[in-house]
Amino acid sequence: MFLKAVHVCEDVRIEENGTFTLVGVHSERIFVPVDQGEIRVPRLLVVAMVGGLAGADRLRFRQWLRAADDASIEPPAMAEQAHDAAADEHNFVFGDAPMVFPGIGVYEVALDVEAAGTSAAYRYRFRLERAPAVRSAP
């Protein structure tokens, strides 16, 4: 089992043919308005693609988001989901609208997966930063 990709974006559409369309894909730096205090991102989703799952017909997983330096947050309970044993890949999508953060800083997406007697823990970090001030032309 291995992590193929992680994307943080504003929206995900799953098309009729099974492809994913990601809208507003962010880098590891997400710029937010200059306001102070709590940060409300209108919509933020995480897409994690895990490979090496051919032969597994059930998956157990949990996914959550936390401040990178906050180890006190207890992970959620494992959930269970069917998986097409003929498929090597499984796509996990989660997020919220709005996504609320306590402030600027580094945050960590966590995904734990168990399948066919193996388990893996994946982590992805991104940073919320204040948008740079816009300077007017002279």
Protein backbone atom coordinates (compact mmCIF):
# COMPACT_ATOMS: atom_id res chain seq x y z
CA MET A 1 0.00 0.00 0.00
CA PHE A 2 1.40 3.42 -0.92
CA LEU A 3 0.31 7.04 -1.18
CA LYS A 4 0.09 8.12 -4.82
CA ALA A 5 -0.99 11.74 -4.31
CA VAL A 6 -2.50 14.25 -1.90
CA HIS A 7 -4.20 17.42 -3.12
CA VAL A 8 -5.81 20.24 -1.16
CA CYS A 9 -8.41 22.02 -3.26
CA GLU A 10 -11.61 24.06 -3.19
CA ASP A 11 -13.88 21.56 -4.93
CA VAL A 12 -13.95 18.04 -6.37
CA ARG A 13 -16.31 16.77 -9.03
CA ILE A 14 -16.55 13.05 -9.72
CA GLU A 15 -17.47 12.72 -13.38
CA GLU A 16 -19.70 10.02 -14.90
CA ASN A 17 -16.67 8.18 -16.29
CA GLY A 18 -15.05 8.05 -12.83
CA THR A 19 -12.47 10.77 -13.38
CA PHE A 20 -11.97 13.48 -10.78
CA THR A 21 -12.00 17.17 -11.62
CA LEU A 22 -10.17 19.19 -8.97
CA VAL A 23 -10.97 22.91 -8.78
CA GLY A 24 -8.77 25.48 -7.07
CA VAL A 25 -5.82 23.19 -6.28
CA HIS A 26 -3.55 24.72 -3.63
CA SER A 27 0.17 24.29 -3.10
CA GLU A 28 1.57 23.68 0.37
CA ARG A 29 1.04 27.42 1.04
CA ILE A 30 -2.54 28.66 1.23
CA PHE A 31 -2.92 32.43 1.34
CA VAL A 32 -5.80 33.83 3.40
CA PRO A 33 -7.11 37.39 3.94
CA VAL A 34 -5.15 39.71 6.21
CA ASP A 35 -7.87 39.80 8.90
CA GLN A 36 -6.82 38.77 12.40
CA GLY A 37 -8.14 35.83 14.41
CA GLU A 38 -10.12 32.84 13.22
CA ILE A 39 -9.74 31.94 9.54
CA ARG A 40 -12.75 30.76 7.56
CA VAL A 41 -11.93 29.20 4.19
CA PRO A 42 -15.23 28.98 2.26
CA ARG A 43 -14.59 25.38 1.19
CA LEU A 44 -11.53 23.17 1.49
CA LEU A 45 -11.25 19.52 0.50
CA VAL A 46 -8.47 16.96 0.69
CA VAL A 47 -8.11 14.24 -1.96
CA ALA A 48 -5.77 11.35 -1.10
CA MET A 49 -5.09 8.60 -3.64
CA VAL A 50 -3.79 5.34 -2.20
CA GLY A 51 -2.48 2.54 -4.44
CA GLY A 52 -1.48 -1.07 -3.93
CA LEU A 53 -4.95 -2.18 -2.86
CA ALA A 54 -5.71 -4.81 -5.53
CA GLY A 55 -7.24 -7.86 -3.86
CA ALA A 56 -8.64 -5.96 -0.86
CA ASP A 57 -12.44 -5.93 -0.74
CA ARG A 58 -12.79 -3.90 2.50
CA LEU A 59 -10.90 -0.89 3.84
CA ARG A 60 -10.75 0.58 7.30
CA PHE A 61 -9.67 4.19 7.50
CA ARG A 62 -9.75 7.43 9.44
CA GLN A 63 -8.92 10.93 8.30
CA TRP A 64 -8.61 14.20 10.13
CA LEU A 65 -6.99 17.61 10.14
CA ARG A 66 -5.11 19.27 13.00
CA ALA A 67 -2.56 21.95 13.78
CA ALA A 68 0.79 20.26 13.07
CA ASP A 69 2.09 20.92 16.59
CA ASP A 70 -1.09 19.75 18.37
CA ALA A 71 -0.62 16.11 19.36
CA SER A 72 -3.46 16.33 21.88
CA ILE A 73 -6.20 15.79 19.28
CA GLU A 74 -7.49 12.24 19.43
CA PRO A 75 -7.92 10.66 16.00
CA PRO A 76 -11.46 9.65 15.07
CA ALA A 77 -12.59 6.02 15.15
CA MET A 78 -11.81 3.89 12.11
CA ALA A 79 -14.59 3.73 9.50
CA GLU A 80 -15.12 0.81 7.15
CA GLN A 81 -15.85 0.93 3.44
CA ALA A 82 -16.19 -1.56 0.60
CA HIS A 83 -13.44 -1.55 -2.04
CA ASP A 84 -13.50 -3.07 -5.53
CA ALA A 85 -10.92 -5.86 -5.19
CA ALA A 86 -10.06 -5.53 -8.91
CA ALA A 87 -9.05 -1.87 -8.40
CA ASP A 88 -5.53 -1.06 -7.29
CA GLU A 89 -6.38 2.50 -6.22
CA HIS A 90 -8.80 4.05 -3.74
CA ASN A 91 -9.57 7.76 -3.53
CA PHE A 92 -10.40 9.38 -0.20
CA VAL A 93 -12.11 12.80 -0.25
CA PHE A 94 -12.91 14.80 2.87
CA GLY A 95 -13.23 18.37 4.02
CA ASP A 96 -15.73 20.98 5.09
CA ALA A 97 -17.50 24.14 3.99
CA PRO A 98 -16.56 26.40 5.55
CA MET A 99 -13.29 25.06 6.92
CA VAL A 100 -12.44 26.96 10.10
CA PHE A 101 -8.89 27.33 11.41
CA PRO A 102 -7.83 29.03 14.66
CA GLY A 103 -5.17 31.12 12.89
CA ILE A 104 -2.19 31.12 10.59
CA GLY A 105 0.29 28.28 10.93
CA VAL A 106 1.12 24.76 9.80
CA TYR A 107 -1.65 22.17 9.61
CA GLU A 108 -1.48 18.44 9.02
CA VAL A 109 -3.83 16.17 7.11
CA ALA A 110 -3.79 12.63 8.52
CA LEU A 111 -5.03 9.46 6.83
CA ASP A 112 -4.67 5.99 8.35
CA VAL A 113 -5.64 3.02 6.18
CA GLU A 114 -5.93 -0.72 6.89
CA ALA A 115 -6.51 -3.24 4.10
CA ALA A 116 -5.83 -6.93 3.57
CA GLY A 117 -3.82 -7.28 6.77
CA THR A 118 -1.60 -4.23 6.19
CA SER A 119 -1.79 -0.72 7.58
CA ALA A 120 -0.28 2.63 6.71
CA ALA A 121 -0.30 6.15 8.13
CA TYR A 122 0.02 9.10 5.74
CA ARG A 123 0.59 12.73 6.70
CA TYR A 124 0.61 15.89 4.58
CA ARG A 125 1.43 19.36 5.89
CA PHE A 126 0.41 22.72 4.52
CA ARG A 127 0.75 26.28 5.77
CA LEU A 128 -1.89 28.98 6.09
CA GLU A 129 -0.26 32.38 5.49
CA ARG A 130 -1.58 35.91 5.38
CA ALA A 131 -1.91 37.17 1.83
CA PRO A 132 0.86 39.60 0.95
CA ALA A 133 -0.16 43.25 1.00
CA VAL A 134 -1.02 44.56 -2.43
CA ARG A 135 0.97 47.64 -3.30
CA SER A 136 -0.47 50.26 -5.60
CA ALA A 137 1.44 51.26 -8.67
CA PRO A 138 3.32 54.59 -8.35
